[in-house]
Amino acid sequence: MFRQKNGNFLDNEFKIDEKLVKEYKLSQTDLLGDSFQKRANVRDCRGRLSTLITKLENYDFLDV
């Protein structure tokens, strides 16, 4: 769970996309097969994860 540094809890707009995280992990293992499509998938996943990380910079992680 994420909590904003000012004390507010994470809004629904920042819901963590578990499917995206799984896709990223799979894409990393698939890089061994070195194909253009696989590299494009990795690039896409990295871009989406980077966007999510940027949005979460103002939040602290709370282990509940």
N, C-alpha and C. Protein backbone atom coordinates (compact mmCIF):
# COMPACT_ATOMS: atom_id res chain seq x y z
N MET A 1 0.84 -1.16 0.00
CA MET A 1 0.00 0.00 0.00
C MET A 1 0.90 1.23 0.00
N PHE A 2 0.49 2.22 -0.75
CA PHE A 2 1.25 3.46 -0.81
C PHE A 2 0.51 4.57 -0.08
N ARG A 3 1.28 5.42 0.59
CA ARG A 3 0.72 6.56 1.29
C ARG A 3 1.51 7.78 0.86
N GLN A 4 0.79 8.85 0.52
CA GLN A 4 1.46 10.07 0.11
C GLN A 4 2.25 10.64 1.28
N LYS A 5 3.35 11.30 1.00
CA LYS A 5 4.22 11.80 2.06
C LYS A 5 3.52 12.78 2.98
N ASN A 6 2.43 13.41 2.51
CA ASN A 6 1.69 14.32 3.38
C ASN A 6 0.65 13.59 4.22
N GLY A 7 0.57 12.26 4.11
CA GLY A 7 -0.31 11.46 4.96
C GLY A 7 -1.51 10.87 4.27
N ASN A 8 -1.86 11.35 3.07
CA ASN A 8 -3.02 10.80 2.36
C ASN A 8 -2.67 9.45 1.74
N PHE A 9 -3.64 8.56 1.71
CA PHE A 9 -3.41 7.25 1.11
C PHE A 9 -3.57 7.31 -0.40
N LEU A 10 -3.05 6.32 -1.05
CA LEU A 10 -3.01 6.23 -2.50
C LEU A 10 -4.41 6.23 -3.10
N ASP A 11 -4.60 7.02 -4.16
CA ASP A 11 -5.86 7.05 -4.88
C ASP A 11 -5.97 5.83 -5.78
N ASN A 12 -7.19 5.56 -6.24
CA ASN A 12 -7.40 4.42 -7.14
C ASN A 12 -6.71 4.60 -8.48
N GLU A 13 -6.42 5.85 -8.88
CA GLU A 13 -5.78 6.08 -10.17
C GLU A 13 -4.37 5.50 -10.24
N PHE A 14 -3.78 5.22 -9.09
CA PHE A 14 -2.42 4.68 -9.05
C PHE A 14 -2.42 3.19 -8.72
N LYS A 15 -3.51 2.51 -9.00
CA LYS A 15 -3.60 1.08 -8.70
C LYS A 15 -2.44 0.35 -9.39
N ILE A 16 -1.73 -0.46 -8.64
CA ILE A 16 -0.58 -1.19 -9.17
C ILE A 16 -1.09 -2.28 -10.12
N ASP A 17 -0.56 -2.28 -11.31
CA ASP A 17 -0.98 -3.23 -12.33
C ASP A 17 -0.11 -4.48 -12.23
N GLU A 18 -0.62 -5.49 -11.53
CA GLU A 18 0.16 -6.72 -11.34
C GLU A 18 0.43 -7.42 -12.67
N LYS A 19 -0.51 -7.30 -13.60
CA LYS A 19 -0.31 -7.91 -14.92
C LYS A 19 0.90 -7.27 -15.61
N LEU A 20 1.04 -5.96 -15.46
CA LEU A 20 2.18 -5.26 -16.06
C LEU A 20 3.49 -5.75 -15.47
N VAL A 21 3.52 -5.94 -14.16
CA VAL A 21 4.74 -6.41 -13.50
C VAL A 21 5.08 -7.82 -13.98
N LYS A 22 4.08 -8.70 -14.09
CA LYS A 22 4.32 -10.06 -14.59
C LYS A 22 4.82 -10.03 -16.03
N GLU A 23 4.19 -9.15 -16.86
CA GLU A 23 4.61 -9.01 -18.25
C GLU A 23 6.08 -8.61 -18.33
N TYR A 24 6.46 -7.67 -17.47
CA TYR A 24 7.84 -7.19 -17.47
C TYR A 24 8.80 -8.31 -17.10
N LYS A 25 8.46 -9.08 -16.07
CA LYS A 25 9.33 -10.19 -15.66
C LYS A 25 9.48 -11.21 -16.78
N LEU A 26 8.35 -11.55 -17.43
CA LEU A 26 8.41 -12.50 -18.54
C LEU A 26 9.23 -11.95 -19.70
N SER A 27 9.06 -10.67 -19.97
CA SER A 27 9.78 -10.07 -21.08
C SER A 27 11.29 -10.08 -20.83
N GLN A 28 11.69 -9.94 -19.58
CA GLN A 28 13.11 -9.97 -19.26
C GLN A 28 13.70 -11.36 -19.51
N THR A 29 12.96 -12.40 -19.17
CA THR A 29 13.46 -13.75 -19.42
C THR A 29 13.43 -14.09 -20.90
N ASP A 30 12.50 -13.49 -21.64
CA ASP A 30 12.40 -13.74 -23.08
C ASP A 30 13.49 -13.05 -23.89
N LEU A 31 14.21 -12.13 -23.27
CA LEU A 31 15.25 -11.42 -24.01
C LEU A 31 16.33 -12.35 -24.53
N LEU A 32 16.45 -13.51 -23.92
CA LEU A 32 17.44 -14.47 -24.38
C LEU A 32 17.15 -14.93 -25.79
N GLY A 33 15.88 -14.89 -26.18
CA GLY A 33 15.48 -15.28 -27.53
C GLY A 33 15.71 -14.19 -28.56
N ASP A 34 16.22 -13.06 -28.16
CA ASP A 34 16.61 -11.92 -28.99
C ASP A 34 15.83 -11.77 -30.29
N SER A 35 14.64 -11.25 -30.21
CA SER A 35 13.89 -10.93 -31.41
C SER A 35 13.40 -9.49 -31.31
N PHE A 36 13.11 -8.89 -32.43
CA PHE A 36 12.67 -7.49 -32.45
C PHE A 36 11.40 -7.32 -31.64
N GLN A 37 10.43 -8.21 -31.81
CA GLN A 37 9.15 -8.08 -31.10
C GLN A 37 9.35 -8.16 -29.59
N LYS A 38 10.20 -9.06 -29.15
CA LYS A 38 10.45 -9.19 -27.71
C LYS A 38 11.11 -7.94 -27.16
N ARG A 39 12.05 -7.38 -27.89
CA ARG A 39 12.69 -6.14 -27.43
C ARG A 39 11.69 -5.00 -27.40
N ALA A 40 10.78 -4.97 -28.37
CA ALA A 40 9.75 -3.93 -28.40
C ALA A 40 8.81 -4.08 -27.20
N ASN A 41 8.47 -5.33 -26.85
CA ASN A 41 7.62 -5.56 -25.68
C ASN A 41 8.30 -5.09 -24.40
N VAL A 42 9.58 -5.36 -24.28
CA VAL A 42 10.34 -4.93 -23.10
C VAL A 42 10.36 -3.40 -23.04
N ARG A 43 10.61 -2.77 -24.17
CA ARG A 43 10.65 -1.31 -24.21
C ARG A 43 9.30 -0.72 -23.79
N ASP A 44 8.21 -1.33 -24.25
CA ASP A 44 6.88 -0.86 -23.89
C ASP A 44 6.62 -1.02 -22.39
N CYS A 45 6.96 -2.18 -21.85
CA CYS A 45 6.77 -2.43 -20.41
C CYS A 45 7.61 -1.47 -19.58
N ARG A 46 8.84 -1.25 -19.98
CA ARG A 46 9.71 -0.33 -19.23
C ARG A 46 9.14 1.08 -19.25
N GLY A 47 8.59 1.49 -20.37
CA GLY A 47 7.99 2.82 -20.47
C GLY A 47 6.80 2.97 -19.54
N ARG A 48 5.93 1.95 -19.52
CA ARG A 48 4.76 2.01 -18.65
C ARG A 48 5.15 1.96 -17.18
N LEU A 49 6.15 1.13 -16.84
CA LEU A 49 6.62 1.08 -15.45
C LEU A 49 7.28 2.39 -15.04
N SER A 50 8.01 2.99 -15.94
CA SER A 50 8.65 4.27 -15.65
C SER A 50 7.61 5.34 -15.37
N THR A 51 6.53 5.34 -16.13
CA THR A 51 5.44 6.29 -15.91
C THR A 51 4.82 6.07 -14.54
N LEU A 52 4.59 4.82 -14.18
CA LEU A 52 4.01 4.50 -12.87
C LEU A 52 4.95 4.94 -11.75
N ILE A 53 6.23 4.68 -11.90
CA ILE A 53 7.21 5.06 -10.88
C ILE A 53 7.24 6.58 -10.71
N THR A 54 7.17 7.30 -11.82
CA THR A 54 7.16 8.76 -11.76
C THR A 54 5.95 9.26 -10.99
N LYS A 55 4.79 8.65 -11.22
CA LYS A 55 3.58 9.05 -10.51
C LYS A 55 3.67 8.75 -9.02
N LEU A 56 4.41 7.70 -8.66
CA LEU A 56 4.49 7.28 -7.26
C LEU A 56 5.62 7.94 -6.48
N GLU A 57 6.35 8.85 -7.09
CA GLU A 57 7.48 9.47 -6.41
C GLU A 57 7.08 10.21 -5.14
N ASN A 58 5.84 10.70 -5.08
CA ASN A 58 5.38 11.45 -3.91
C ASN A 58 4.74 10.56 -2.86
N TYR A 59 4.92 9.26 -2.98
CA TYR A 59 4.30 8.32 -2.06
C TYR A 59 5.36 7.49 -1.35
N ASP A 60 5.07 7.09 -0.12
CA ASP A 60 5.92 6.17 0.64
C ASP A 60 5.24 4.82 0.66
N PHE A 61 6.02 3.75 0.65
CA PHE A 61 5.47 2.40 0.69
C PHE A 61 5.26 1.97 2.13
N LEU A 62 4.06 1.47 2.44
CA LEU A 62 3.74 0.97 3.78
C LEU A 62 3.52 -0.53 3.67
N ASP A 63 4.27 -1.30 4.39
CA ASP A 63 4.10 -2.75 4.40
C ASP A 63 3.05 -3.08 5.45
N VAL A 64 1.86 -3.48 4.97
CA VAL A 64 0.75 -3.76 5.90
C VAL A 64 0.53 -5.23 6.09
